């Protein structure tokens, strides 16, 4: 299996993923303040993730790996790359369904956005 490579890409590269991502309820729409990364195995794009910048905040957005490629750590590597790329003066916010993943990377749980549903908001100040 080819090694995973993650690189910054333009939204047009991400756009082909929109229909597959929509089935999984992942928002991959274009915005002027979003930077996108894609994961590749060889020439095949196997995942995407974005970072939206809003003032002194940044939000991890649209981490998406198609079902056929899940379970190989692609989402983890993408998320870590996006978080690492956030400028040092930003606070990173994550809306997440997997609390342990983010807490293990220095994020603090701030609130549960929908009680009874594990959709949580995390912040990591820099």
N, C-alpha and C. Protein backbone atom coordinates (compact mmCIF):
# COMPACT_ATOMS: atom_id res chain seq x y z
N UNK A 1 0.84 -1.17 0.00
CA UNK A 1 0.00 0.00 0.00
C UNK A 1 0.89 1.25 0.00
N UNK A 2 0.65 2.20 -0.92
CA UNK A 2 1.47 3.42 -0.97
C UNK A 2 1.34 4.23 0.32
N UNK A 3 2.41 4.95 0.65
CA UNK A 3 2.42 5.79 1.85
C UNK A 3 1.43 6.95 1.69
N UNK A 4 0.80 7.35 2.78
CA UNK A 4 -0.15 8.45 2.78
C UNK A 4 0.60 9.77 2.68
N UNK A 5 0.15 10.63 1.76
CA UNK A 5 0.72 11.97 1.61
C UNK A 5 -0.41 12.97 1.81
N UNK A 6 -0.16 13.99 2.61
CA UNK A 6 -1.15 15.03 2.85
C UNK A 6 -0.60 16.34 2.33
N UNK A 7 -1.42 17.03 1.52
CA UNK A 7 -0.96 18.32 0.99
C UNK A 7 -2.12 19.30 0.91
N UNK A 8 -1.77 20.58 0.96
CA UNK A 8 -2.75 21.64 0.85
C UNK A 8 -3.26 21.67 -0.60
N UNK A 9 -4.58 21.82 -0.76
CA UNK A 9 -5.17 21.82 -2.10
C UNK A 9 -6.19 22.95 -2.21
N UNK A 10 -6.55 23.29 -3.44
CA UNK A 10 -7.60 24.26 -3.71
C UNK A 10 -8.96 23.58 -3.56
N UNK A 11 -10.00 24.38 -3.34
CA UNK A 11 -11.33 23.82 -3.15
C UNK A 11 -11.78 23.00 -4.37
N UNK A 12 -11.38 23.37 -5.55
CA UNK A 12 -11.79 22.64 -6.75
C UNK A 12 -11.41 21.16 -6.68
N UNK A 13 -10.30 20.87 -6.04
CA UNK A 13 -9.88 19.48 -5.86
C UNK A 13 -10.83 18.77 -4.90
N UNK A 14 -11.27 19.50 -3.88
CA UNK A 14 -12.17 18.95 -2.87
C UNK A 14 -13.59 18.76 -3.43
N UNK A 15 -13.99 19.61 -4.37
CA UNK A 15 -15.37 19.64 -4.86
C UNK A 15 -15.87 18.30 -5.36
N UNK A 16 -15.01 17.47 -5.92
CA UNK A 16 -15.47 16.18 -6.43
C UNK A 16 -15.93 15.25 -5.31
N UNK A 17 -15.60 15.59 -4.09
CA UNK A 17 -16.00 14.79 -2.93
C UNK A 17 -17.36 15.19 -2.39
N UNK A 18 -17.94 16.26 -2.86
CA UNK A 18 -19.16 16.81 -2.24
C UNK A 18 -20.32 15.82 -2.21
N UNK A 19 -20.56 15.09 -3.29
CA UNK A 19 -21.72 14.20 -3.29
C UNK A 19 -21.53 13.04 -2.31
N UNK A 20 -20.34 12.47 -2.25
CA UNK A 20 -20.09 11.37 -1.31
C UNK A 20 -20.15 11.88 0.12
N UNK A 21 -19.61 13.07 0.36
CA UNK A 21 -19.61 13.63 1.70
C UNK A 21 -21.02 13.99 2.15
N UNK A 22 -21.84 14.45 1.23
CA UNK A 22 -23.22 14.82 1.58
C UNK A 22 -23.99 13.62 2.12
N UNK A 23 -23.71 12.44 1.59
CA UNK A 23 -24.37 11.24 2.10
C UNK A 23 -24.01 10.97 3.55
N UNK A 24 -22.82 11.42 3.97
CA UNK A 24 -22.38 11.24 5.35
C UNK A 24 -22.58 12.51 6.18
N UNK A 25 -23.30 13.48 5.63
CA UNK A 25 -23.62 14.72 6.33
C UNK A 25 -22.38 15.52 6.69
N UNK A 26 -21.41 15.58 5.79
CA UNK A 26 -20.20 16.37 6.00
C UNK A 26 -20.25 17.56 5.06
N UNK A 27 -20.10 18.76 5.59
CA UNK A 27 -20.16 19.98 4.79
C UNK A 27 -18.81 20.26 4.16
N UNK A 28 -18.77 20.31 2.84
CA UNK A 28 -17.53 20.59 2.13
C UNK A 28 -17.69 21.79 1.20
N UNK A 29 -18.52 22.75 1.56
CA UNK A 29 -18.77 23.90 0.68
C UNK A 29 -17.60 24.87 0.64
N UNK A 30 -17.50 25.62 -0.46
CA UNK A 30 -16.41 26.59 -0.61
C UNK A 30 -16.66 27.83 0.25
N UNK A 31 -15.63 28.33 0.88
CA UNK A 31 -15.67 29.60 1.57
C UNK A 31 -14.32 30.26 1.38
N UNK A 32 -14.32 31.58 1.40
CA UNK A 32 -13.07 32.30 1.14
C UNK A 32 -12.07 32.16 2.29
N UNK A 33 -12.54 31.83 3.47
CA UNK A 33 -11.66 31.74 4.62
C UNK A 33 -11.33 30.31 5.03
N UNK A 34 -11.51 29.34 4.12
CA UNK A 34 -11.21 27.94 4.42
C UNK A 34 -9.98 27.49 3.63
N UNK A 35 -9.08 26.84 4.32
CA UNK A 35 -7.92 26.21 3.68
C UNK A 35 -8.18 24.71 3.71
N UNK A 36 -7.94 24.03 2.60
CA UNK A 36 -8.23 22.59 2.48
C UNK A 36 -6.95 21.78 2.34
N UNK A 37 -6.99 20.58 2.90
CA UNK A 37 -5.93 19.59 2.73
C UNK A 37 -6.56 18.31 2.21
N UNK A 38 -5.79 17.57 1.44
CA UNK A 38 -6.25 16.27 0.93
C UNK A 38 -5.19 15.23 1.23
N UNK A 39 -5.66 14.02 1.48
CA UNK A 39 -4.77 12.87 1.71
C UNK A 39 -4.78 12.03 0.45
N UNK A 40 -3.61 11.59 0.03
CA UNK A 40 -3.47 10.78 -1.18
C UNK A 40 -2.70 9.50 -0.85
N UNK A 41 -3.15 8.41 -1.44
CA UNK A 41 -2.39 7.15 -1.47
C UNK A 41 -2.02 6.99 -2.94
N UNK A 42 -0.77 7.23 -3.23
CA UNK A 42 -0.38 7.27 -4.64
C UNK A 42 -1.09 8.46 -5.28
N UNK A 43 -1.79 8.21 -6.39
CA UNK A 43 -2.53 9.27 -7.09
C UNK A 43 -3.99 9.34 -6.68
N UNK A 44 -4.41 8.51 -5.75
CA UNK A 44 -5.82 8.43 -5.36
C UNK A 44 -6.06 9.31 -4.13
N UNK A 45 -7.01 10.25 -4.24
CA UNK A 45 -7.39 11.08 -3.10
C UNK A 45 -8.27 10.25 -2.19
N UNK A 46 -7.86 10.11 -0.91
CA UNK A 46 -8.57 9.22 0.02
C UNK A 46 -9.15 9.95 1.23
N UNK A 47 -9.09 11.28 1.23
CA UNK A 47 -9.67 12.04 2.32
C UNK A 47 -9.41 13.52 2.18
N UNK A 48 -10.24 14.31 2.86
CA UNK A 48 -10.09 15.76 2.85
C UNK A 48 -10.40 16.31 4.25
N UNK A 49 -9.90 17.50 4.52
CA UNK A 49 -10.21 18.23 5.76
C UNK A 49 -9.92 19.70 5.52
N UNK A 50 -10.65 20.54 6.25
CA UNK A 50 -10.46 21.98 6.09
C UNK A 50 -10.26 22.67 7.42
N UNK A 51 -9.78 23.90 7.34
CA UNK A 51 -9.63 24.77 8.50
C UNK A 51 -10.23 26.12 8.13
N UNK A 52 -11.31 26.50 8.80
CA UNK A 52 -11.95 27.79 8.58
C UNK A 52 -11.36 28.78 9.56
N UNK A 53 -10.96 29.91 9.06
CA UNK A 53 -10.41 30.95 9.92
C UNK A 53 -11.44 32.07 10.07
N UNK A 54 -11.77 32.39 11.33
CA UNK A 54 -12.72 33.45 11.63
C UNK A 54 -12.11 34.30 12.74
N UNK A 55 -11.54 35.42 12.39
CA UNK A 55 -10.89 36.27 13.38
C UNK A 55 -9.74 35.54 14.04
N UNK A 56 -9.77 35.48 15.37
CA UNK A 56 -8.72 34.79 16.14
C UNK A 56 -9.07 33.34 16.42
N UNK A 57 -10.09 32.83 15.73
CA UNK A 57 -10.53 31.44 15.90
C UNK A 57 -10.30 30.69 14.61
N UNK A 58 -10.16 29.39 14.74
CA UNK A 58 -10.11 28.50 13.58
C UNK A 58 -10.95 27.29 13.93
N UNK A 59 -11.66 26.77 12.95
CA UNK A 59 -12.50 25.59 13.18
C UNK A 59 -12.11 24.50 12.20
N UNK A 60 -11.84 23.32 12.74
CA UNK A 60 -11.61 22.16 11.89
C UNK A 60 -12.94 21.83 11.23
N UNK A 61 -12.93 21.64 9.91
CA UNK A 61 -14.17 21.48 9.16
C UNK A 61 -14.06 20.35 8.14
N UNK A 62 -15.14 19.65 7.97
CA UNK A 62 -15.28 18.74 6.84
C UNK A 62 -14.25 17.64 6.75
N UNK A 63 -13.85 17.07 7.88
CA UNK A 63 -12.94 15.92 7.80
C UNK A 63 -13.77 14.78 7.21
N UNK A 64 -13.34 14.28 6.06
CA UNK A 64 -14.11 13.26 5.38
C UNK A 64 -13.18 12.24 4.74
N UNK A 65 -13.44 10.97 5.05
CA UNK A 65 -12.75 9.84 4.43
C UNK A 65 -13.85 8.89 3.95
N UNK A 66 -13.87 8.57 2.66
CA UNK A 66 -14.89 7.65 2.16
C UNK A 66 -14.85 6.31 2.90
N UNK A 67 -16.00 5.69 3.01
CA UNK A 67 -16.12 4.43 3.76
C UNK A 67 -15.08 3.39 3.35
N UNK A 68 -14.77 3.31 2.09
CA UNK A 68 -13.82 2.30 1.60
C UNK A 68 -12.41 2.48 2.16
N UNK A 69 -12.09 3.69 2.65
CA UNK A 69 -10.74 3.97 3.15
C UNK A 69 -10.69 4.17 4.65
N UNK A 70 -11.79 4.02 5.34
CA UNK A 70 -11.83 4.25 6.78
C UNK A 70 -11.14 3.11 7.53
N UNK A 71 -10.63 3.46 8.71
CA UNK A 71 -10.00 2.45 9.57
C UNK A 71 -8.50 2.36 9.40
N UNK A 72 -7.92 3.16 8.50
CA UNK A 72 -6.48 3.13 8.28
C UNK A 72 -5.75 4.33 8.89
N UNK A 73 -6.47 5.16 9.67
CA UNK A 73 -5.83 6.31 10.30
C UNK A 73 -5.76 7.55 9.42
N UNK A 74 -6.43 7.53 8.28
CA UNK A 74 -6.38 8.66 7.36
C UNK A 74 -7.00 9.90 8.00
N UNK A 75 -8.17 9.76 8.61
CA UNK A 75 -8.83 10.88 9.26
C UNK A 75 -7.97 11.46 10.38
N UNK A 76 -7.32 10.60 11.12
CA UNK A 76 -6.44 11.04 12.21
C UNK A 76 -5.29 11.87 11.66
N UNK A 77 -4.64 11.37 10.61
CA UNK A 77 -3.51 12.10 10.03
C UNK A 77 -3.95 13.42 9.43
N UNK A 78 -5.10 13.44 8.76
CA UNK A 78 -5.62 14.69 8.19
C UNK A 78 -5.91 15.71 9.29
N UNK A 79 -6.60 15.26 10.32
CA UNK A 79 -6.95 16.17 11.42
C UNK A 79 -5.71 16.73 12.09
N UNK A 80 -4.73 15.88 12.34
CA UNK A 80 -3.50 16.34 12.95
C UNK A 80 -2.76 17.33 12.07
N UNK A 81 -2.77 17.12 10.76
CA UNK A 81 -2.13 18.04 9.82
C UNK A 81 -2.82 19.40 9.83
N UNK A 82 -4.15 19.39 9.85
CA UNK A 82 -4.92 20.63 9.86
C UNK A 82 -4.67 21.40 11.16
N UNK A 83 -4.71 20.71 12.29
CA UNK A 83 -4.47 21.36 13.58
C UNK A 83 -3.06 21.93 13.64
N UNK A 84 -2.09 21.18 13.16
CA UNK A 84 -0.70 21.64 13.19
C UNK A 84 -0.49 22.87 12.30
N UNK A 85 -1.30 23.00 11.25
CA UNK A 85 -1.16 24.12 10.32
C UNK A 85 -1.82 25.40 10.81
N UNK A 86 -2.63 25.31 11.86
CA UNK A 86 -3.29 26.51 12.38
C UNK A 86 -2.24 27.47 12.92
N UNK A 87 -2.33 28.74 12.54
CA UNK A 87 -1.36 29.71 13.05
C UNK A 87 -1.34 29.73 14.59
N UNK A 88 -0.19 30.01 15.16
CA UNK A 88 -0.02 29.96 16.61
C UNK A 88 -0.91 30.92 17.37
N UNK A 89 -1.36 32.00 16.73
CA UNK A 89 -2.17 32.98 17.45
C UNK A 89 -3.66 32.66 17.44
N UNK A 90 -4.03 31.51 16.88
CA UNK A 90 -5.43 31.14 16.81
C UNK A 90 -5.81 30.14 17.88
N UNK A 91 -7.07 30.17 18.28
CA UNK A 91 -7.66 29.13 19.10
C UNK A 91 -8.41 28.21 18.15
N UNK A 92 -8.21 26.92 18.26
CA UNK A 92 -8.84 25.96 17.35
C UNK A 92 -10.08 25.39 18.02
N UNK A 93 -11.19 25.43 17.28
CA UNK A 93 -12.45 24.89 17.77
C UNK A 93 -12.79 23.66 16.93
N UNK A 94 -13.33 22.65 17.58
CA UNK A 94 -13.71 21.42 16.89
C UNK A 94 -15.11 21.02 17.35
N UNK A 95 -16.00 20.76 16.40
CA UNK A 95 -17.28 20.13 16.71
C UNK A 95 -17.05 18.66 16.46
N UNK A 96 -17.12 17.84 17.49
CA UNK A 96 -16.63 16.47 17.35
C UNK A 96 -17.57 15.44 17.93
N UNK A 97 -17.52 14.27 17.34
CA UNK A 97 -18.25 13.11 17.85
C UNK A 97 -17.32 12.13 18.55
N UNK A 98 -16.04 12.43 18.57
CA UNK A 98 -15.07 11.52 19.18
C UNK A 98 -14.22 12.27 20.21
N UNK A 99 -14.76 12.48 21.40
CA UNK A 99 -14.08 13.29 22.41
C UNK A 99 -12.67 12.83 22.76
N UNK A 100 -12.45 11.54 22.90
CA UNK A 100 -11.14 11.05 23.33
C UNK A 100 -10.04 11.45 22.35
N UNK A 101 -10.34 11.45 21.07
CA UNK A 101 -9.36 11.82 20.05
C UNK A 101 -8.83 13.23 20.30
N UNK A 102 -9.74 14.18 20.49
CA UNK A 102 -9.33 15.57 20.66
C UNK A 102 -8.77 15.85 22.04
N UNK A 103 -9.32 15.24 23.06
CA UNK A 103 -8.79 15.43 24.41
C UNK A 103 -7.35 14.92 24.48
N UNK A 104 -7.04 13.88 23.75
CA UNK A 104 -5.69 13.33 23.71
C UNK A 104 -4.71 14.21 22.96
N UNK A 105 -5.21 15.23 22.30
CA UNK A 105 -4.36 16.15 21.54
C UNK A 105 -4.36 17.55 22.13
N UNK A 106 -4.70 17.64 23.43
CA UNK A 106 -4.60 18.91 24.13
C UNK A 106 -5.83 19.80 24.08
N UNK A 107 -6.95 19.30 23.59
CA UNK A 107 -8.18 20.09 23.56
C UNK A 107 -8.93 19.92 24.87
N UNK A 108 -9.63 20.96 25.26
CA UNK A 108 -10.46 20.93 26.47
C UNK A 108 -11.92 20.98 26.06
N UNK A 109 -12.75 20.16 26.69
CA UNK A 109 -14.18 20.17 26.44
C UNK A 109 -14.77 21.44 27.03
N UNK A 110 -15.49 22.20 26.22
CA UNK A 110 -16.10 23.44 26.67
C UNK A 110 -17.59 23.23 26.92
N UNK A 111 -18.29 22.61 25.98
CA UNK A 111 -19.72 22.40 26.17
C UNK A 111 -20.22 21.30 25.25
N UNK A 112 -21.35 20.76 25.61
CA UNK A 112 -22.05 19.80 24.77
C UNK A 112 -23.11 20.61 24.03
N UNK A 113 -23.04 20.63 22.71
CA UNK A 113 -23.93 21.51 21.95
C UNK A 113 -25.35 20.99 21.88
N UNK A 114 -25.53 19.69 21.93
CA UNK A 114 -26.86 19.09 21.92
C UNK A 114 -26.88 18.04 23.01
N UNK A 115 -27.45 18.37 24.17
CA UNK A 115 -27.46 17.42 25.29
C UNK A 115 -27.99 16.04 24.87
N UNK A 116 -27.30 15.02 25.33
CA UNK A 116 -27.71 13.66 25.02
C UNK A 116 -27.12 13.13 23.72
N UNK A 117 -26.52 14.01 22.95
CA UNK A 117 -25.86 13.61 21.70
C UNK A 117 -24.40 14.01 21.86
N UNK A 118 -23.51 13.12 21.56
CA UNK A 118 -22.09 13.39 21.80
C UNK A 118 -21.47 14.31 20.76
N UNK A 119 -22.12 15.41 20.52
CA UNK A 119 -21.52 16.43 19.65
C UNK A 119 -20.97 17.49 20.58
N UNK A 120 -19.68 17.60 20.64
CA UNK A 120 -19.01 18.39 21.65
C UNK A 120 -18.18 19.50 21.02
N UNK A 121 -17.97 20.55 21.76
CA UNK A 121 -17.11 21.65 21.31
C UNK A 121 -15.83 21.60 22.14
N UNK A 122 -14.71 21.63 21.44
CA UNK A 122 -13.41 21.61 22.10
C UNK A 122 -12.61 22.85 21.68
N UNK A 123 -11.80 23.32 22.57
CA UNK A 123 -10.90 24.43 22.26
C UNK A 123 -9.49 24.06 22.66
N UNK A 124 -8.55 24.53 21.88
CA UNK A 124 -7.15 24.43 22.28
C UNK A 124 -6.55 25.79 22.02
N UNK A 125 -6.28 26.53 23.06
CA UNK A 125 -5.65 27.83 22.90
C UNK A 125 -4.17 27.67 22.65
N UNK A 126 -3.66 28.57 21.95
CA UNK A 126 -2.22 28.52 21.66
C UNK A 126 -1.54 29.68 22.35
